[in-house]
PDB file of N, CA and C in Angstrom:
ATOM      1  N   MET A   1     123.421  77.704 146.423  1.00  0.00           N
ATOM      2  CA  MET A   1     122.246  77.311 147.159  1.00  0.00           C
ATOM      3  C   MET A   1     122.344  77.889 148.576  1.00  0.00           C
ATOM      4  N   ALA A   2     121.249  78.395 149.060  1.00  0.00           N
ATOM      5  CA  ALA A   2     121.211  78.979 150.395  1.00  0.00           C
ATOM      6  C   ALA A   2     121.115  77.889 151.453  1.00  0.00           C
ATOM      7  N   ARG A   3     121.670  78.198 152.629  1.00  0.00           N
ATOM      8  CA  ARG A   3     121.565  77.261 153.750  1.00  0.00           C
ATOM      9  C   ARG A   3     121.617  78.051 155.044  1.00  0.00           C
ATOM     10  N   PHE A   4     121.099  77.443 156.108  1.00  0.00           N
ATOM     11  CA  PHE A   4     121.111  78.084 157.405  1.00  0.00           C
ATOM     12  C   PHE A   4     122.486  77.938 158.050  1.00  0.00           C
ATOM     13  N   LEU A   5     122.962  78.999 158.684  1.00  0.00           N
ATOM     14  CA  LEU A   5     124.237  78.947 159.378  1.00  0.00           C
ATOM     15  C   LEU A   5     124.068  78.588 160.844  1.00  0.00           C
ATOM     16  N   HIS A   6     122.877  78.839 161.398  1.00  0.00           N
ATOM     17  CA  HIS A   6     122.617  78.602 162.813  1.00  0.00           C
ATOM     18  C   HIS A   6     121.344  77.774 162.967  1.00  0.00           C
ATOM     19  N   GLN A   7     121.213  77.101 164.091  1.00  0.00           N
ATOM     20  CA  GLN A   7     120.023  76.297 164.365  1.00  0.00           C
ATOM     21  C   GLN A   7     118.825  77.149 164.761  1.00  0.00           C
ATOM     22  N   ASN A   8     119.074  78.351 165.302  1.00  0.00           N
ATOM     23  CA  ASN A   8     117.982  79.231 165.715  1.00  0.00           C
ATOM     24  C   ASN A   8     118.421  80.682 165.559  1.00  0.00           C
ATOM     25  N   TYR A   9     117.546  81.600 165.962  1.00  0.00           N
ATOM     26  CA  TYR A   9     117.829  83.024 165.791  1.00  0.00           C
ATOM     27  C   TYR A   9     118.467  83.661 167.025  1.00  0.00           C
ATOM     28  N   SER A  10     118.911  82.883 167.979  1.00  0.00           N
ATOM     29  CA  SER A  10     119.453  83.469 169.210  1.00  0.00           C
ATOM     30  C   SER A  10     120.725  84.285 168.957  1.00  0.00           C
ATOM     31  N   GLY A  11     121.515  83.919 167.990  1.00  0.00           N
ATOM     32  CA  GLY A  11     122.730  84.662 167.694  1.00  0.00           C
ATOM     33  C   GLY A  11     122.611  85.543 166.466  1.00  0.00           C
ATOM     34  N   TYR A  12     121.404  85.652 165.910  1.00  0.00           N
ATOM     35  CA  TYR A  12     121.184  86.432 164.691  1.00  0.00           C
ATOM     36  C   TYR A  12     121.160  87.918 165.018  1.00  0.00           C
ATOM     37  N   LEU A  13     121.950  88.699 164.317  1.00  0.00           N
ATOM     38  CA  LEU A  13     122.009  90.142 164.548  1.00  0.00           C
ATOM     39  C   LEU A  13     121.017  90.846 163.630  1.00  0.00           C
ATOM     40  N   VAL A  14     120.128  91.605 164.220  1.00  0.00           N
ATOM     41  CA  VAL A  14     119.127  92.350 163.468  1.00  0.00           C
ATOM     42  C   VAL A  14     119.548  93.819 163.437  1.00  0.00           C
ATOM     43  N   PRO A  15     119.694  94.410 162.248  1.00  0.00           N
ATOM     44  CA  PRO A  15     120.075  95.822 162.196  1.00  0.00           C
ATOM     45  C   PRO A  15     118.974  96.709 162.772  1.00  0.00           C
ATOM     46  N   THR A  16     119.372  97.759 163.459  1.00  0.00           N
ATOM     47  CA  THR A  16     118.429  98.706 164.054  1.00  0.00           C
ATOM     48  C   THR A  16     118.766 100.115 163.579  1.00  0.00           C
ATOM     49  N   ASN A  17     117.990 101.086 164.028  1.00  0.00           N
ATOM     50  CA  ASN A  17     118.243 102.475 163.643  1.00  0.00           C
ATOM     51  C   ASN A  17     119.631 102.935 164.070  1.00  0.00           C
ATOM     52  N   ALA A  18     120.145 102.401 165.169  1.00  0.00           N
ATOM     53  CA  ALA A  18     121.478 102.789 165.637  1.00  0.00           C
ATOM     54  C   ALA A  18     122.578 102.348 164.668  1.00  0.00           C
ATOM     55  N   ASP A  19     122.290 101.362 163.813  1.00  0.00           N
ATOM     56  CA  ASP A  19     123.278 100.865 162.860  1.00  0.00           C
ATOM     57  C   ASP A  19     123.341 101.698 161.581  1.00  0.00           C
ATOM     58  N   ILE A  20     122.385 102.592 161.398  1.00  0.00           N
ATOM     59  CA  ILE A  20     122.339 103.410 160.187  1.00  0.00           C
ATOM     60  C   ILE A  20     123.175 104.663 160.409  1.00  0.00           C
ATOM     61  N   PRO A  21     124.060 104.980 159.481  1.00  0.00           N
ATOM     62  CA  PRO A  21     124.873 106.183 159.653  1.00  0.00           C
ATOM     63  C   PRO A  21     124.008 107.440 159.557  1.00  0.00           C
ATOM     64  N   GLU A  22     124.556 108.547 159.965  1.00  0.00           N
ATOM     65  CA  GLU A  22     123.836 109.815 159.924  1.00  0.00           C
ATOM     66  C   GLU A  22     123.475 110.156 158.475  1.00  0.00           C
ATOM     67  N   LEU A  23     122.244 110.593 158.276  1.00  0.00           N
ATOM     68  CA  LEU A  23     121.773 110.944 156.945  1.00  0.00           C
ATOM     69  C   LEU A  23     121.782 112.456 156.776  1.00  0.00           C
ATOM     70  N   HIS A  24     122.168 112.889 155.620  1.00  0.00           N
ATOM     71  CA  HIS A  24     122.167 114.311 155.305  1.00  0.00           C
ATOM     72  C   HIS A  24     121.102 114.559 154.238  1.00  0.00           C
ATOM     73  N   VAL A  25     120.206 115.475 154.514  1.00  0.00           N
ATOM     74  CA  VAL A  25     119.144 115.820 153.573  1.00  0.00           C
ATOM     75  C   VAL A  25     119.650 116.910 152.644  1.00  0.00           C
ATOM     76  N   ILE A  26     119.504 116.670 151.371  1.00  0.00           N
ATOM     77  CA  ILE A  26     119.931 117.637 150.364  1.00  0.00           C
ATOM     78  C   ILE A  26     118.712 118.002 149.528  1.00  0.00           C
ATOM     79  N   PHE A  27     118.417 119.291 149.459  1.00  0.00           N
ATOM     80  CA  PHE A  27     117.330 119.752 148.619  1.00  0.00           C
ATOM     81  C   PHE A  27     117.889 120.137 147.260  1.00  0.00           C
ATOM     82  N   ALA A  28     117.392 119.486 146.235  1.00  0.00           N
ATOM     83  CA  ALA A  28     117.859 119.762 144.882  1.00  0.00           C
ATOM     84  C   ALA A  28     116.689 120.257 144.042  1.00  0.00           C
ATOM     85  N   GLY A  29     116.948 121.180 143.171  1.00  0.00           N
ATOM     86  CA  GLY A  29     115.903 121.678 142.297  1.00  0.00           C
ATOM     87  C   GLY A  29     115.112 122.804 142.929  1.00  0.00           C
ATOM     88  N   ALA A  30     114.042 123.139 142.309  1.00  0.00           N
ATOM     89  CA  ALA A  30     113.214 124.270 142.738  1.00  0.00           C
ATOM     90  C   ALA A  30     111.989 123.792 143.501  1.00  0.00           C
ATOM     91  N   PHE A  31     111.332 124.699 144.160  1.00  0.00           N
ATOM     92  CA  PHE A  31     110.104 124.439 144.880  1.00  0.00           C
ATOM     93  C   PHE A  31     109.048 123.928 143.897  1.00  0.00           C
ATOM     94  N   ASP A  32     108.372 122.831 144.239  1.00  0.00           N
ATOM     95  CA  ASP A  32     107.347 122.249 143.378  1.00  0.00           C
ATOM     96  C   ASP A  32     106.062 122.125 144.179  1.00  0.00           C
ATOM     97  N   GLU A  33     105.139 123.048 143.976  1.00  0.00           N
ATOM     98  CA  GLU A  33     103.913 123.055 144.774  1.00  0.00           C
ATOM     99  C   GLU A  33     102.996 121.879 144.453  1.00  0.00           C
ATOM    100  N   GLU A  34     103.202 121.204 143.331  1.00  0.00           N
ATOM    101  CA  GLU A  34     102.386 120.043 142.989  1.00  0.00           C
ATOM    102  C   GLU A  34     102.907 118.759 143.639  1.00  0.00           C
ATOM    103  N   ALA A  35     104.148 118.745 144.111  1.00  0.00           N
ATOM    104  CA  ALA A  35     104.732 117.553 144.713  1.00  0.00           C
ATOM    105  C   ALA A  35     104.132 117.274 146.082  1.00  0.00           C
ATOM    106  N   SER A  36     104.073 118.282 146.927  1.00  0.00           N
ATOM    107  CA  SER A  36     103.521 118.155 148.272  1.00  0.00           C
ATOM    108  C   SER A  36     103.269 119.551 148.826  1.00  0.00           C
ATOM    109  N   ARG A  37     102.696 119.589 150.025  1.00  0.00           N
ATOM    110  CA  ARG A  37     102.448 120.898 150.632  1.00  0.00           C
ATOM    111  C   ARG A  37     103.759 121.619 150.945  1.00  0.00           C
ATOM    112  N   LEU A  38     104.811 120.868 151.194  1.00  0.00           N
ATOM    113  CA  LEU A  38     106.110 121.472 151.477  1.00  0.00           C
ATOM    114  C   LEU A  38     106.890 121.801 150.209  1.00  0.00           C
ATOM    115  N   GLY A  39     106.424 121.255 149.084  1.00  0.00           N
ATOM    116  CA  GLY A  39     107.119 121.500 147.829  1.00  0.00           C
ATOM    117  C   GLY A  39     108.315 120.599 147.623  1.00  0.00           C
ATOM    118  N   ALA A  40     108.418 119.536 148.420  1.00  0.00           N
ATOM    119  CA  ALA A  40     109.565 118.638 148.325  1.00  0.00           C
ATOM    120  C   ALA A  40     109.145 117.295 147.746  1.00  0.00           C
ATOM    121  N   LYS A  41     110.055 116.664 147.057  1.00  0.00           N
ATOM    122  CA  LYS A  41     109.839 115.327 146.512  1.00  0.00           C
ATOM    123  C   LYS A  41     110.733 114.357 147.274  1.00  0.00           C
ATOM    124  N   GLY A  42     110.239 113.152 147.523  1.00  0.00           N
ATOM    125  CA  GLY A  42     111.024 112.163 148.248  1.00  0.00           C
ATOM    126  C   GLY A  42     111.527 111.057 147.343  1.00  0.00           C
ATOM    127  N   LEU A  43     112.616 110.421 147.747  1.00  0.00           N
ATOM    128  CA  LEU A  43     113.181 109.302 146.994  1.00  0.00           C
ATOM    129  C   LEU A  43     112.979 107.971 147.696  1.00  0.00           C
ATOM    130  N   GLY A  44     112.205 107.943 148.782  1.00  0.00           N
ATOM    131  CA  GLY A  44     112.037 106.725 149.556  1.00  0.00           C
ATOM    132  C   GLY A  44     111.511 105.556 148.752  1.00  0.00           C
ATOM    133  N   GLU A  45     110.496 105.782 147.943  1.00  0.00           N
ATOM    134  CA  GLU A  45     109.922 104.684 147.175  1.00  0.00           C
ATOM    135  C   GLU A  45     110.870 104.215 146.077  1.00  0.00           C
ATOM    136  N   LEU A  46     111.636 105.111 145.509  1.00  0.00           N
ATOM    137  CA  LEU A  46     112.571 104.714 144.460  1.00  0.00           C
ATOM    138  C   LEU A  46     113.650 103.788 144.987  1.00  0.00           C
ATOM    139  N   THR A  47     114.068 104.001 146.205  1.00  0.00           N
ATOM    140  CA  THR A  47     115.132 103.163 146.763  1.00  0.00           C
ATOM    141  C   THR A  47     114.615 101.818 147.229  1.00  0.00           C
ATOM    142  N   ALA A  48     113.303 101.642 147.346  1.00  0.00           N
ATOM    143  CA  ALA A  48     112.727 100.375 147.805  1.00  0.00           C
ATOM    144  C   ALA A  48     112.266  99.501 146.642  1.00  0.00           C
ATOM    145  N   VAL A  49     112.624  99.867 145.417  1.00  0.00           N
ATOM    146  CA  VAL A  49     112.167  99.139 144.236  1.00  0.00           C
ATOM    147  C   VAL A  49     112.685  97.703 144.217  1.00  0.00           C
ATOM    148  N   SER A  50     113.860  97.462 144.744  1.00  0.00           N
ATOM    149  CA  SER A  50     114.463  96.130 144.655  1.00  0.00           C
ATOM    150  C   SER A  50     114.005  95.174 145.748  1.00  0.00           C
ATOM    151  N   VAL A  51     113.146  95.602 146.656  1.00  0.00           N
ATOM    152  CA  VAL A  51     112.729  94.737 147.769  1.00  0.00           C
ATOM    153  C   VAL A  51     111.901  93.555 147.277  1.00  0.00           C
ATOM    154  N   ALA A  52     110.859  93.791 146.494  1.00  0.00           N
ATOM    155  CA  ALA A  52     109.991  92.706 146.028  1.00  0.00           C
ATOM    156  C   ALA A  52     110.754  91.675 145.191  1.00  0.00           C
ATOM    157  N   PRO A  53     111.606  92.087 144.232  1.00  0.00           N
ATOM    158  CA  PRO A  53     112.371  91.079 143.501  1.00  0.00           C
ATOM    159  C   PRO A  53     113.316  90.272 144.396  1.00  0.00           C
ATOM    160  N   ALA A  54     113.866  90.893 145.429  1.00  0.00           N
ATOM    161  CA  ALA A  54     114.755  90.165 146.336  1.00  0.00           C
ATOM    162  C   ALA A  54     113.975  89.105 147.112  1.00  0.00           C
ATOM    163  N   ILE A  55     112.764  89.447 147.551  1.00  0.00           N
ATOM    164  CA  ILE A  55     111.935  88.470 148.260  1.00  0.00           C
ATOM    165  C   ILE A  55     111.514  87.352 147.316  1.00  0.00           C
ATOM    166  N   ALA A  56     111.161  87.694 146.071  1.00  0.00           N
ATOM    167  CA  ALA A  56     110.790  86.678 145.094  1.00  0.00           C
ATOM    168  C   ALA A  56     111.965  85.749 144.793  1.00  0.00           C
ATOM    169  N   ASP A  57     113.174  86.297 144.737  1.00  0.00           N
ATOM    170  CA  ASP A  57     114.359  85.481 144.506  1.00  0.00           C
ATOM    171  C   ASP A  57     114.626  84.555 145.688  1.00  0.00           C
ATOM    172  N   ALA A  58     114.414  85.061 146.903  1.00  0.00           N
ATOM    173  CA  ALA A  58     114.578  84.214 148.091  1.00  0.00           C
ATOM    174  C   ALA A  58     113.556  83.091 148.084  1.00  0.00           C
ATOM    175  N   ALA A  59     112.324  83.393 147.675  1.00  0.00           N
ATOM    176  CA  ALA A  59     111.291  82.353 147.590  1.00  0.00           C
ATOM    177  C   ALA A  59     111.666  81.312 146.543  1.00  0.00           C
ATOM    178  N   LEU A  60     112.241  81.751 145.424  1.00  0.00           N
ATOM    179  CA  LEU A  60     112.701  80.822 144.390  1.00  0.00           C
ATOM    180  C   LEU A  60     113.763  79.872 144.936  1.00  0.00           C
ATOM    181  N   HIS A  61     114.741  80.416 145.642  1.00  0.00           N
ATOM    182  CA  HIS A  61     115.814  79.581 146.175  1.00  0.00           C
ATOM    183  C   HIS A  61     115.315  78.649 147.270  1.00  0.00           C
ATOM    184  N   ALA A  62     114.289  79.072 148.007  1.00  0.00           N
ATOM    185  CA  ALA A  62     113.759  78.245 149.090  1.00  0.00           C
ATOM    186  C   ALA A  62     112.829  77.151 148.580  1.00  0.00           C
ATOM    187  N   THR A  63     112.064  77.442 147.516  1.00  0.00           N
ATOM    188  CA  THR A  63     111.040  76.494 147.068  1.00  0.00           C
ATOM    189  C   THR A  63     111.289  75.915 145.687  1.00  0.00           C
ATOM    190  N   GLY A  64     112.117  76.578 144.883  1.00  0.00           N
ATOM    191  CA  GLY A  64     112.332  76.131 143.521  1.00  0.00           C
ATOM    192  C   GLY A  64     111.256  76.610 142.560  1.00  0.00           C
ATOM    193  N   LYS A  65     110.329  77.427 143.025  1.00  0.00           N
ATOM    194  CA  LYS A  65     109.218  77.919 142.204  1.00  0.00           C
ATOM    195  C   LYS A  65     109.365  79.427 141.985  1.00  0.00           C
ATOM    196  N   ARG A  66     109.380  79.861 140.720  1.00  0.00           N
ATOM    197  CA  ARG A  66     109.499  81.277 140.390  1.00  0.00           C
ATOM    198  C   ARG A  66     108.105  81.906 140.369  1.00  0.00           C
ATOM    199  N   VAL A  67     107.910  82.955 141.155  1.00  0.00           N
ATOM    200  CA  VAL A  67     106.660  83.716 141.170  1.00  0.00           C
ATOM    201  C   VAL A  67     106.951  85.070 140.534  1.00  0.00           C
ATOM    202  N   ARG A  68     106.198  85.418 139.482  1.00  0.00           N
ATOM    203  CA  ARG A  68     106.477  86.642 138.741  1.00  0.00           C
ATOM    204  C   ARG A  68     105.432  87.733 138.929  1.00  0.00           C
ATOM    205  N   ASP A  69     104.479  87.517 139.847  1.00  0.00           N
ATOM    206  CA  ASP A  69     103.499  88.568 140.121  1.00  0.00           C
ATOM    207  C   ASP A  69     103.229  88.622 141.624  1.00  0.00           C
ATOM    208  N   LEU A  70     102.871  89.810 142.079  1.00  0.00           N
ATOM    209  CA  LEU A  70     102.631  90.025 143.505  1.00  0.00           C
ATOM    210  C   LEU A  70     101.138  89.993 143.787  1.00  0.00           C
ATOM    211  N   PRO A  71     100.737  89.631 144.976  1.00  0.00           N
ATOM    212  CA  PRO A  71     101.553  89.218 146.104  1.00  0.00           C
ATOM    213  C   PRO A  71     102.004  87.763 145.967  1.00  0.00           C
ATOM    214  N   ILE A  72     103.090  87.425 146.615  1.00  0.00           N
ATOM    215  CA  ILE A  72     103.583  86.056 146.642  1.00  0.00           C
ATOM    216  C   ILE A  72     102.810  85.318 147.730  1.00  0.00           C
ATOM    217  N   THR A  73     102.023  84.344 147.331  1.00  0.00           N
ATOM    218  CA  THR A  73     101.191  83.610 148.280  1.00  0.00           C
ATOM    219  C   THR A  73     101.594  82.145 148.310  1.00  0.00           C
ATOM    220  N   ILE A  74     101.127  81.463 149.340  1.00  0.00           N
ATOM    221  CA  ILE A  74     101.402  80.019 149.467  1.00  0.00           C
ATOM    222  C   ILE A  74     100.878  79.274 148.254  1.00  0.00           C
ATOM    223  N   GLU A  75      99.685  79.656 147.783  1.00  0.00           N
ATOM    224  CA  GLU A  75      99.079  78.977 146.641  1.00  0.00           C
ATOM    225  C   GLU A  75      99.960  79.077 145.393  1.00  0.00           C
ATOM    226  N   LYS A  76     100.595  80.218 145.201  1.00  0.00           N
ATOM    227  CA  LYS A  76     101.466  80.390 144.029  1.00  0.00           C
ATOM    228  C   LYS A  76     102.745  79.583 144.173  1.00  0.00           C
ATOM    229  N   LEU A  77     103.176  79.319 145.389  1.00  0.00           N
ATOM    230  CA  LEU A  77     104.413  78.569 145.600  1.00  0.00           C
ATOM    231  C   LEU A  77     104.198  77.063 145.545  1.00  0.00           C
ATOM    232  N   LEU A  78     102.966  76.618 145.738  1.00  0.00           N
ATOM    233  CA  LEU A  78     102.697  75.166 145.753  1.00  0.00           C
ATOM    234  C   LEU A  78     102.522  74.582 144.379  1.00  0.00           C
TER     235      LEU A  78
END
């Protein structure tokens, strides 16, 4: 079960861009003119796939109500 460690956010550390290590861009495969004007494909959306389920799981632990469709609204949690 989740619980708060602090009474407020005064000591809460929020990650910033300075906390992210240096990223190296690697181009793999051939030029694809259908992907974009630059011919490159991105993986940004693929890496963000787990965000919505993580938020839904946090809502479950906070409220006890499982929401299986987006968007997660107050009405669905009540």
